[in-house]
Amino acid sequence: MVRWRFAILCICLLLNACAQYGYRERDVGLSGQCAADWNHFQRRVTDEGVFDAQDWPLPAYPFLRIDRSASHLARDELSLDQRGAWLLMTYELGRSARTVESRRLDHSPALDALEGCLQQSLASLIDDQAFWDHVREHPRPDAYSDFARAIGLYPVFRPFVSWRVEALIAEAEQEFQTYRAEYPWRRYRPEARPEWAQVQDILERDSHLDALGLPRFTTSELDVLFAYFSPVIDLEAGHPDDRIGRPRHQNGSWDAVGQPQVFTRQTQTRWNGEWLPQLVYQWWYPARRRDGELDMYGGELDGLIFRVTLNWDGSVLFYDSIHPCGCYHKWHPAQPGLRRKERPSWQEPLAVLPVSPPRQPYQAVVRLKTGSHYVVGLAFRTPEALPADETYSLHSQIELRAEPSGDRYLFAPDGLVHGSERLERFLLWNMGVPSAGAMRQWGHHAVAFVGRRHFDDPALFEQYFMVSTPAN
């Protein structure tokens, strides 16, 4: 037993040693004072351990940050206008990360001069074919460890993990929309909800696409969309950890405290050859209840990431959700005619739980089980029929990146929430997901143990679903 524990410890240490996070480039595509200022900034960020891991620094051009949408777009041949839009998008992702990192540094530096020279450098890259070849050769890496899979005999254990996932999906299908609560439901509603007519005015497709075809909205427009599509949350209150709050670390442990808050971000997905807007909502609980010392899944902090994929007419195409560990991905097709594509046998099965929303206006009601916080229902009601126990406020996800959560920041330089580890990581390390069960930052949600699948992959829905063609 001692030898096995020592072996597991050595493997974990080796995996951590092989992982590299943060800025690593010293020779960047800059020159003169701009290069000197950039190297000074990234050295301070690395030395003080405040790297923001949400978006990936492009090798040799680390002042540009890459998300999975940017990687997807760069695979195609772009016009000059599209190249300019792509550069501006990745520069803005980089500037957002630098703003977060600067606020975390002791004695935050002024970045105006650095940002000015970085922005000026973009013009020379638009028609630099070597640069665009470099971009295509360096897509954003996936969130899996090939090394862990290689030494952990992944092909041998894959069938057993897939079998266990299928059993969990069968349980989810059995209790979805039929779950009988043992404890009272506690209902959370958003503070305010705009009128449907306001949403219709905003979702005018042609005026909200950029040169890349991506959905773009003003801050005030997003405020309306987030408020309108925000879900009602019914949480079965059977334990002190069945409550919504803001993550806070104090005296060596995590909690979720204060008034209920839900954090938002806007993303996009590819569907039938165009980009559709997505609204993402995330909320946090103090913990997932542990049923004994050997509970594999319990631990500090838990939550839900609930995503709404919209058509341009305001109807919902999909709802889907994961826990912040990337676990328990549940798909809810919300339109008639959507069906699953054939799945390769070597990929993990999907938990597909269709729903049938009525015509607008309505409000989605997410029902969550005590303890595990599993999604056990998704209903639709008129707002007038939904009295609430508490209201929640909406906040931008940037707050969780840039502001301290108690005596530390929520996300570490590796994109994980340290202190939220689960024992399951010792069982599933050879599936290649770093610290399986731990909470993690956007962009790091691997959502399958078998195969490779990412929550923020813009091709995710097109890969697994299609619109069925009516028979003649």
Protein backbone atom coordinates (compact mmCIF):
# COMPACT_ATOMS: atom_id res chain seq x y z
CA MET A 1 0.00 0.00 0.00
CA VAL A 2 2.82 2.41 0.87
CA ARG A 3 4.51 1.67 -2.47
CA TRP A 4 1.30 2.38 -4.39
CA ARG A 5 0.79 5.69 -2.57
CA PHE A 6 4.38 6.65 -3.28
CA ALA A 7 3.95 5.74 -6.97
CA ILE A 8 0.79 7.86 -7.29
CA LEU A 9 2.51 10.78 -5.58
CA CYS A 10 5.48 10.51 -7.96
CA ILE A 11 3.17 10.45 -10.99
CA CYS A 12 1.30 13.57 -9.79
CA LEU A 13 4.55 15.42 -9.16
CA LEU A 14 5.89 14.38 -12.57
CA LEU A 15 2.73 15.57 -14.33
CA ASN A 16 2.94 18.92 -12.56
CA ALA A 17 6.61 19.24 -13.42
CA CYS A 18 5.88 18.61 -17.12
CA ALA A 19 3.10 21.20 -17.20
CA GLN A 20 4.19 24.73 -18.12
CA TYR A 21 2.04 27.78 -17.63
CA GLY A 22 2.41 31.45 -18.29
CA TYR A 23 4.65 33.48 -20.58
CA ARG A 24 7.67 31.58 -21.87
CA GLU A 25 8.73 33.61 -24.92
CA ARG A 26 11.56 36.07 -24.60
CA ASP A 27 12.20 36.52 -28.34
CA VAL A 28 8.91 38.03 -29.54
CA GLY A 29 7.75 39.66 -32.76
CA LEU A 30 8.59 43.15 -31.44
CA SER A 31 11.62 45.39 -31.50
CA GLY A 32 13.26 48.26 -29.66
CA GLN A 33 11.65 49.79 -26.59
CA CYS A 34 8.40 47.96 -27.25
CA ALA A 35 10.16 44.59 -26.94
CA ALA A 36 11.97 45.74 -23.79
CA ASP A 37 8.73 46.95 -22.16
CA TRP A 38 6.94 43.75 -23.11
CA ASN A 39 9.68 41.49 -21.71
CA HIS A 40 9.75 43.50 -18.49
CA PHE A 41 5.98 43.12 -18.10
CA GLN A 42 5.83 39.40 -18.78
CA ARG A 43 8.82 38.79 -16.49
CA ARG A 44 7.02 40.55 -13.62
CA VAL A 45 3.83 38.57 -14.29
CA THR A 46 5.75 35.29 -14.26
CA ASP A 47 7.86 36.13 -11.21
CA GLU A 48 4.85 37.20 -9.13
CA GLY A 49 2.71 34.25 -10.27
CA VAL A 50 -0.24 36.30 -11.56
CA PHE A 51 -0.56 34.91 -15.10
CA ASP A 52 -4.17 34.82 -16.34
CA ALA A 53 -4.73 31.47 -18.07
CA GLN A 54 -8.10 32.00 -19.74
CA ASP A 55 -6.82 32.60 -23.28
CA TRP A 56 -3.62 31.14 -24.73
CA PRO A 57 -0.63 33.35 -25.68
CA LEU A 58 0.32 32.73 -29.31
CA PRO A 59 3.93 31.45 -29.41
CA ALA A 60 6.37 34.12 -30.67
CA TYR A 61 3.52 36.68 -30.41
CA PRO A 62 2.36 36.22 -26.80
CA PHE A 63 0.76 39.66 -26.67
CA LEU A 64 -1.94 38.09 -28.88
CA ARG A 65 -4.23 35.66 -27.06
CA ILE A 66 -6.06 32.79 -28.73
CA ASP A 67 -9.40 31.27 -27.76
CA ARG A 68 -10.99 28.34 -29.57
CA SER A 69 -13.08 30.61 -31.80
CA ALA A 70 -9.93 32.41 -32.97
CA SER A 71 -8.24 29.07 -33.68
CA HIS A 72 -11.28 27.88 -35.62
CA LEU A 73 -11.39 31.03 -37.74
CA ALA A 74 -7.66 30.94 -38.52
CA ARG A 75 -8.00 27.58 -40.27
CA ASP A 76 -9.72 29.30 -43.21
CA GLU A 77 -8.21 31.70 -45.72
CA LEU A 78 -9.12 35.19 -44.51
CA SER A 79 -9.50 38.37 -46.55
CA LEU A 80 -7.43 41.40 -45.57
CA ASP A 81 -10.41 42.90 -43.75
CA GLN A 82 -10.96 39.62 -41.91
CA ARG A 83 -7.27 39.40 -41.02
CA GLY A 84 -7.50 42.86 -39.51
CA ALA A 85 -10.59 41.86 -37.51
CA TRP A 86 -8.89 38.65 -36.35
CA LEU A 87 -5.80 40.54 -35.20
CA LEU A 88 -7.92 43.08 -33.36
CA MET A 89 -9.90 40.29 -31.67
CA THR A 90 -6.79 38.45 -30.47
CA TYR A 91 -5.16 41.72 -29.43
CA GLU A 92 -8.26 42.57 -27.33
CA LEU A 93 -8.15 39.13 -25.72
CA GLY A 94 -4.51 39.83 -24.88
CA ARG A 95 -5.24 43.30 -23.56
CA SER A 96 -8.00 41.91 -21.34
CA ALA A 97 -5.54 39.40 -19.88
CA ARG A 98 -2.88 42.09 -19.37
CA THR A 99 -5.40 44.30 -17.59
CA VAL A 100 -6.21 41.42 -15.23
CA GLU A 101 -2.52 40.65 -14.66
CA SER A 102 -1.62 44.29 -14.12
CA ARG A 103 -4.28 44.64 -11.43
CA ARG A 104 -2.89 41.57 -9.69
CA LEU A 105 0.71 42.83 -9.67
CA ASP A 106 2.19 44.60 -6.68
CA HIS A 107 2.43 48.27 -7.72
CA SER A 108 0.37 47.90 -10.90
CA PRO A 109 2.21 49.46 -13.86
CA ALA A 110 0.69 51.88 -16.36
CA LEU A 111 0.19 50.01 -19.64
CA ASP A 112 -0.76 52.85 -21.98
CA ALA A 113 2.63 53.11 -23.73
CA LEU A 114 2.99 49.34 -24.03
CA GLU A 115 -0.53 48.91 -25.42
CA GLY A 116 0.07 51.70 -27.91
CA CYS A 117 3.15 50.07 -29.42
CA LEU A 118 1.56 46.61 -29.38
CA GLN A 119 -1.44 47.90 -31.29
CA GLN A 120 0.79 49.63 -33.83
CA SER A 121 2.60 46.34 -34.49
CA LEU A 122 -0.60 44.73 -35.79
CA ALA A 123 -0.55 46.60 -39.12
CA SER A 124 2.65 44.87 -40.25
CA LEU A 125 1.10 41.43 -39.65
CA ILE A 126 -1.96 41.78 -41.89
CA ASP A 127 -0.19 40.85 -45.12
CA ASP A 128 2.66 38.85 -43.55
CA GLN A 129 2.04 35.36 -44.95
CA ALA A 130 4.71 33.81 -42.72
CA PHE A 131 2.78 35.06 -39.69
CA TRP A 132 -0.51 33.51 -40.90
CA ASP A 133 1.23 30.23 -41.63
CA HIS A 134 2.59 30.37 -38.09
CA VAL A 135 -0.90 30.97 -36.68
CA ARG A 136 -2.31 27.94 -38.52
CA GLU A 137 0.59 25.81 -37.30
CA HIS A 138 -0.16 26.78 -33.68
CA PRO A 139 -3.84 26.20 -32.88
CA ARG A 140 -4.87 26.55 -29.27
CA PRO A 141 -3.79 23.38 -27.45
CA ASP A 142 -6.47 21.11 -26.07
CA ALA A 143 -7.05 20.68 -22.34
CA TYR A 144 -5.76 17.10 -22.18
CA SER A 145 -2.42 15.63 -21.17
CA ASP A 146 -1.10 13.23 -23.80
CA PHE A 147 1.69 12.29 -21.41
CA ALA A 148 -0.77 11.20 -18.70
CA ARG A 149 -2.71 9.13 -21.22
CA ALA A 150 0.46 7.50 -22.53
CA ILE A 151 1.89 6.41 -19.19
CA GLY A 152 -1.55 5.64 -17.74
CA LEU A 153 -2.48 3.04 -20.37
CA TYR A 154 -5.44 5.11 -21.55
CA PRO A 155 -6.53 2.64 -24.28
CA VAL A 156 -6.79 -0.13 -21.68
CA PHE A 157 -8.93 1.83 -19.21
CA ARG A 158 -11.03 3.72 -21.78
CA PRO A 159 -13.78 1.04 -22.09
CA PHE A 160 -14.28 0.89 -18.32
CA VAL A 161 -14.61 4.67 -18.02
CA SER A 162 -16.99 4.78 -20.98
CA TRP A 163 -19.13 2.08 -19.36
CA ARG A 164 -19.32 4.12 -16.13
CA VAL A 165 -20.27 7.26 -18.07
CA GLU A 166 -23.08 5.36 -19.81
CA ALA A 167 -24.40 4.27 -16.41
CA LEU A 168 -24.39 7.86 -15.13
CA ILE A 169 -26.21 9.02 -18.27
CA ALA A 170 -28.87 6.34 -17.78
CA GLU A 171 -29.41 7.59 -14.21
CA ALA A 172 -29.67 11.18 -15.45
CA GLU A 173 -32.21 10.23 -18.11
CA GLN A 174 -34.29 8.34 -15.56
CA GLU A 175 -34.64 11.23 -13.10
CA PHE A 176 -34.75 14.17 -15.54
CA GLN A 177 -38.14 15.90 -15.30
CA THR A 178 -39.37 13.18 -12.89
CA TYR A 179 -37.21 13.87 -9.81
CA ARG A 180 -39.13 13.99 -6.52
CA ALA A 181 -37.45 16.32 -4.02
CA GLU A 182 -36.97 15.24 -0.42
CA TYR A 183 -36.48 18.83 0.75
CA PRO A 184 -38.07 22.20 -0.05
CA TRP A 185 -37.07 24.04 -3.22
CA ARG A 186 -35.37 27.39 -2.82
CA ARG A 187 -36.06 29.65 -5.78
CA TYR A 188 -33.70 32.34 -7.09
CA ARG A 189 -34.89 34.85 -9.70
CA PRO A 190 -33.03 37.61 -11.53
CA GLU A 191 -33.62 41.11 -10.19
CA ALA A 192 -35.36 42.42 -13.31
CA ARG A 193 -36.44 41.25 -16.75
CA PRO A 194 -36.89 43.42 -19.86
CA GLU A 195 -39.71 43.06 -22.36
CA TRP A 196 -39.60 40.64 -25.27
CA ALA A 197 -39.92 43.54 -27.73
CA GLN A 198 -36.56 44.92 -26.53
CA VAL A 199 -34.89 41.60 -27.31
CA GLN A 200 -36.41 41.48 -30.78
CA ASP A 201 -35.04 44.95 -31.53
CA ILE A 202 -31.51 43.83 -30.57
CA LEU A 203 -31.40 40.49 -32.41
CA GLU A 204 -31.17 41.98 -35.86
CA ARG A 205 -28.61 39.75 -37.52
CA ASP A 206 -27.01 41.87 -40.25
CA SER A 207 -26.26 44.83 -37.98
CA HIS A 208 -24.61 42.66 -35.31
CA LEU A 209 -21.98 40.72 -37.29
CA ASP A 210 -18.35 41.80 -37.62
CA ALA A 211 -16.07 41.15 -40.61
CA LEU A 212 -15.48 37.59 -39.39
CA GLY A 213 -19.21 36.89 -39.11
CA LEU A 214 -19.08 36.84 -35.30
CA PRO A 215 -21.98 38.22 -33.23
CA ARG A 216 -21.13 41.59 -31.66
CA PHE A 217 -23.30 43.54 -29.22
CA THR A 218 -22.86 46.71 -27.19
CA THR A 219 -22.63 46.48 -23.42
CA SER A 220 -26.14 47.85 -23.01
CA GLU A 221 -27.51 45.36 -25.55
CA LEU A 222 -25.84 42.49 -23.72
CA ASP A 223 -27.34 43.71 -20.45
CA VAL A 224 -30.80 43.35 -22.01
CA LEU A 225 -30.08 39.90 -23.46
CA PHE A 226 -28.54 38.54 -20.26
CA ALA A 227 -31.43 39.86 -18.16
CA TYR A 228 -34.10 38.48 -20.47
CA PHE A 229 -32.71 34.96 -20.90
CA SER A 230 -31.44 34.56 -17.32
CA PRO A 231 -32.89 31.40 -15.77
CA VAL A 232 -34.89 30.94 -12.63
CA ILE A 233 -32.93 28.60 -10.35
CA ASP A 234 -34.78 26.06 -8.21
CA LEU A 235 -32.26 24.57 -5.77
CA GLU A 236 -33.32 21.74 -3.47
CA ALA A 237 -32.27 23.03 -0.04
CA GLY A 238 -31.34 19.95 1.95
CA HIS A 239 -27.86 20.94 3.13
CA PRO A 240 -26.05 24.16 4.23
CA ASP A 241 -24.03 24.03 0.97
CA ASP A 242 -27.20 24.21 -1.13
CA ARG A 243 -27.05 27.98 -1.58
CA ILE A 244 -25.68 30.44 -4.14
CA GLY A 245 -22.98 33.00 -3.29
CA ARG A 246 -19.74 34.59 -4.45
CA PRO A 247 -16.55 32.51 -4.10
CA ARG A 248 -14.34 33.58 -1.20
CA HIS A 249 -11.17 32.04 0.21
CA GLN A 250 -10.40 32.73 3.85
CA ASN A 251 -8.37 30.94 6.54
CA GLY A 252 -7.33 28.14 4.22
CA SER A 253 -10.70 27.17 2.75
CA TRP A 254 -13.25 28.17 0.11
CA ASP A 255 -16.82 29.30 0.67
CA ALA A 256 -19.54 31.05 -1.34
CA VAL A 257 -20.81 34.03 0.62
CA GLY A 258 -22.97 37.13 0.46
CA GLN A 259 -25.94 37.87 -1.74
CA PRO A 260 -26.67 35.48 -4.64
CA GLN A 261 -24.72 36.44 -7.75
CA VAL A 262 -24.63 34.96 -11.26
CA PHE A 263 -21.70 35.69 -13.59
CA THR A 264 -22.10 36.12 -17.35
CA ARG A 265 -20.16 35.99 -20.61
CA GLN A 266 -21.13 36.11 -24.29
CA THR A 267 -19.66 33.55 -26.69
CA GLN A 268 -20.62 32.08 -30.06
CA THR A 269 -20.96 28.80 -31.92
CA ARG A 270 -21.01 27.64 -35.52
CA TRP A 271 -24.31 26.24 -36.78
CA ASN A 272 -25.35 25.54 -40.36
CA GLY A 273 -22.60 27.71 -41.78
CA GLU A 274 -23.12 30.81 -39.62
CA TRP A 275 -22.18 32.06 -36.16
CA LEU A 276 -24.88 32.18 -33.49
CA PRO A 277 -24.72 34.07 -30.16
CA GLN A 278 -24.48 32.23 -26.86
CA LEU A 279 -25.22 33.55 -23.39
CA VAL A 280 -23.35 31.86 -20.54
CA TYR A 281 -24.41 32.04 -16.88
CA GLN A 282 -22.34 30.70 -13.99
CA TRP A 283 -23.14 30.46 -10.30
CA TRP A 284 -21.31 29.01 -7.32
CA TYR A 285 -22.08 26.97 -4.19
CA PRO A 286 -19.83 26.69 -1.11
CA ALA A 287 -19.12 23.00 -1.73
CA ARG A 288 -20.39 19.69 -2.96
CA ARG A 289 -21.35 17.69 0.11
CA ARG A 290 -18.93 14.91 1.04
CA ASP A 291 -20.53 11.63 2.12
CA GLY A 292 -17.60 10.31 4.15
CA GLU A 293 -13.83 10.69 4.00
CA LEU A 294 -13.52 8.56 0.85
CA ASP A 295 -16.16 10.41 -1.16
CA MET A 296 -14.60 10.77 -4.62
CA TYR A 297 -16.66 13.75 -5.76
CA GLY A 298 -17.23 16.01 -2.75
CA GLY A 299 -15.09 19.00 -1.84
CA GLU A 300 -14.85 22.76 -1.57
CA LEU A 301 -16.68 24.89 -4.15
CA ASP A 302 -19.18 23.69 -6.71
CA GLY A 303 -21.42 25.41 -9.21
CA LEU A 304 -23.10 25.31 -12.59
CA ILE A 305 -22.36 26.80 -16.00
CA PHE A 306 -25.63 27.17 -17.91
CA ARG A 307 -25.49 28.13 -21.59
CA VAL A 308 -28.21 29.43 -23.91
CA THR A 309 -27.60 29.16 -27.68
CA LEU A 310 -29.84 31.56 -29.60
CA ASN A 311 -31.18 31.73 -33.10
CA TRP A 312 -31.27 35.23 -34.57
CA ASP A 313 -35.08 35.31 -34.18
CA GLY A 314 -34.65 34.99 -30.41
CA SER A 315 -35.72 31.36 -30.17
CA VAL A 316 -33.43 29.02 -28.24
CA LEU A 317 -31.65 26.34 -30.27
CA PHE A 318 -29.94 24.56 -27.35
CA TYR A 319 -29.61 24.76 -23.61
CA ASP A 320 -26.65 22.92 -22.11
CA SER A 321 -24.76 22.88 -18.83
CA ILE A 322 -21.66 21.62 -17.04
CA HIS A 323 -20.32 21.90 -13.52
CA PRO A 324 -17.23 24.18 -13.26
CA CYS A 325 -15.03 21.07 -13.24
CA GLY A 326 -16.15 20.38 -16.81
CA CYS A 327 -18.11 17.36 -15.52
CA TYR A 328 -21.69 16.22 -16.14
CA HIS A 329 -22.27 17.86 -19.52
CA LYS A 330 -26.00 17.77 -20.28
CA TRP A 331 -27.40 18.80 -23.67
CA HIS A 332 -30.95 20.05 -24.11
CA PRO A 333 -31.96 20.44 -27.77
CA ALA A 334 -34.81 22.95 -27.76
CA GLN A 335 -36.07 22.85 -31.36
CA PRO A 336 -38.03 20.16 -33.19
CA GLY A 337 -36.04 18.38 -35.86
CA LEU A 338 -32.70 18.41 -34.05
CA ARG A 339 -31.15 14.98 -33.85
CA ARG A 340 -27.84 13.44 -32.92
CA LYS A 341 -25.31 12.47 -35.52
CA GLU A 342 -23.77 9.02 -35.39
CA ARG A 343 -21.07 8.97 -32.72
CA PRO A 344 -17.80 7.08 -33.25
CA SER A 345 -17.59 4.13 -30.87
CA TRP A 346 -14.37 5.41 -29.34
CA GLN A 347 -15.96 8.68 -28.18
CA GLU A 348 -17.75 9.20 -24.88
CA PRO A 349 -21.57 9.08 -25.11
CA LEU A 350 -23.65 12.24 -24.74
CA ALA A 351 -26.29 13.00 -22.11
CA VAL A 352 -29.02 14.36 -24.41
CA LEU A 353 -32.22 15.43 -22.67
CA PRO A 354 -34.52 17.26 -25.14
CA VAL A 355 -36.93 19.98 -24.04
CA SER A 356 -39.81 21.80 -25.74
CA PRO A 357 -39.99 25.49 -24.85
CA PRO A 358 -43.22 27.35 -25.66
CA ARG A 359 -43.34 30.52 -27.73
CA GLN A 360 -41.82 33.64 -26.14
CA PRO A 361 -42.21 35.14 -23.65
CA TYR A 362 -41.29 32.48 -21.10
CA GLN A 363 -38.56 31.92 -18.53
CA ALA A 364 -36.45 28.78 -18.17
CA VAL A 365 -36.47 27.15 -14.72
CA VAL A 366 -33.41 25.03 -13.89
CA ARG A 367 -33.98 22.46 -11.14
CA LEU A 368 -30.98 21.22 -9.14
CA LYS A 369 -30.68 18.30 -6.76
CA THR A 370 -29.48 18.69 -3.18
CA GLY A 371 -25.89 17.67 -2.43
CA SER A 372 -24.68 16.73 -5.91
CA HIS A 373 -26.29 19.79 -7.55
CA TYR A 374 -27.14 17.74 -10.64
CA VAL A 375 -29.57 19.26 -13.13
CA VAL A 376 -32.77 17.19 -12.70
CA GLY A 377 -35.25 19.38 -14.54
CA LEU A 378 -35.64 22.19 -17.07
CA ALA A 379 -39.12 23.72 -17.18
CA PHE A 380 -40.64 26.81 -18.78
CA ARG A 381 -43.05 29.22 -17.13
CA THR A 382 -44.39 32.71 -17.58
CA PRO A 383 -42.59 35.15 -15.26
CA GLU A 384 -45.82 36.00 -13.43
CA ALA A 385 -46.13 32.38 -12.29
CA LEU A 386 -42.70 32.36 -10.60
CA PRO A 387 -42.63 33.91 -7.11
CA ALA A 388 -39.13 33.75 -5.63
CA ASP A 389 -37.47 33.24 -2.26
CA GLU A 390 -34.43 35.33 -3.27
CA THR A 391 -33.24 37.43 -6.18
CA TYR A 392 -29.79 37.28 -7.75
CA SER A 393 -27.75 39.99 -9.44
CA LEU A 394 -25.87 39.62 -12.73
CA HIS A 395 -22.13 40.35 -12.93
CA SER A 396 -19.49 40.07 -15.65
CA GLN A 397 -17.13 37.09 -15.43
CA ILE A 398 -14.20 39.52 -15.64
CA GLU A 399 -14.76 40.27 -11.95
CA LEU A 400 -13.74 36.73 -10.98
CA ARG A 401 -10.54 37.07 -13.00
CA ALA A 402 -9.49 40.53 -11.88
CA GLU A 403 -10.67 40.87 -8.28
CA PRO A 404 -9.42 38.93 -5.25
CA SER A 405 -11.75 36.26 -3.90
CA GLY A 406 -10.93 36.77 -0.24
CA ASP A 407 -7.22 36.31 0.46
CA ARG A 408 -6.36 34.90 -3.00
CA TYR A 409 -7.52 35.00 -6.60
CA LEU A 410 -10.01 32.40 -7.75
CA PHE A 411 -8.05 31.07 -10.72
CA ALA A 412 -4.40 30.06 -10.49
CA PRO A 413 -1.87 30.41 -13.37
CA ASP A 414 -2.68 26.85 -14.47
CA GLY A 415 -6.38 27.71 -14.90
CA LEU A 416 -7.47 25.64 -11.88
CA VAL A 417 -9.06 26.67 -8.59
CA HIS A 418 -6.53 25.41 -6.07
CA GLY A 419 -8.21 24.00 -2.98
CA SER A 420 -11.16 22.58 -4.94
CA GLU A 421 -9.44 19.26 -5.73
CA ARG A 422 -11.43 16.01 -5.58
CA LEU A 423 -10.24 12.50 -4.76
CA GLU A 424 -11.42 11.32 -8.17
CA ARG A 425 -8.26 12.82 -9.66
CA PHE A 426 -6.35 9.80 -8.34
CA LEU A 427 -8.69 7.43 -10.19
CA LEU A 428 -9.01 9.30 -13.47
CA TRP A 429 -5.60 10.94 -13.94
CA ASN A 430 -4.82 8.59 -16.84
CA MET A 431 -7.78 9.97 -18.82
CA GLY A 432 -5.63 13.07 -19.37
CA VAL A 433 -7.84 15.67 -17.66
CA PRO A 434 -5.65 17.64 -15.21
CA SER A 435 -6.94 17.32 -11.64
CA ALA A 436 -10.26 15.74 -12.61
CA GLY A 437 -13.09 17.14 -10.51
CA ALA A 438 -11.40 20.44 -9.62
CA MET A 439 -13.05 23.73 -10.57
CA ARG A 440 -11.40 25.49 -13.50
CA GLN A 441 -11.35 28.64 -15.60
CA TRP A 442 -13.15 29.24 -18.89
CA GLY A 443 -11.18 27.72 -21.77
CA HIS A 444 -10.02 24.77 -19.65
CA HIS A 445 -13.22 22.72 -19.52
CA ALA A 446 -12.49 19.32 -21.02
CA VAL A 447 -15.96 17.75 -20.95
CA ALA A 448 -15.20 14.12 -21.82
CA PHE A 449 -12.86 11.55 -20.32
CA VAL A 450 -13.04 9.32 -23.40
CA GLY A 451 -11.99 11.09 -26.59
CA ARG A 452 -11.49 14.86 -26.62
CA ARG A 453 -14.24 17.42 -26.20
CA HIS A 454 -14.20 21.06 -25.02
CA PHE A 455 -17.11 23.12 -23.76
CA ASP A 456 -15.90 26.25 -25.58
CA ASP A 457 -15.31 24.53 -28.93
CA PRO A 458 -17.30 26.58 -31.48
CA ALA A 459 -17.82 23.47 -33.63
CA LEU A 460 -19.24 21.42 -30.75
CA PHE A 461 -22.91 21.52 -31.74
CA GLU A 462 -22.27 21.01 -35.46
CA GLN A 463 -20.08 18.03 -34.61
CA TYR A 464 -22.77 16.13 -32.71
CA PHE A 465 -26.13 17.41 -34.00
CA MET A 466 -27.93 18.09 -37.24
CA VAL A 467 -31.34 19.20 -38.47
CA SER A 468 -33.27 16.23 -39.74
CA THR A 469 -34.63 16.52 -43.25
CA PRO A 470 -38.39 15.81 -43.55
CA ALA A 471 -39.18 12.73 -45.61
CA ASN A 472 -40.82 13.36 -48.97
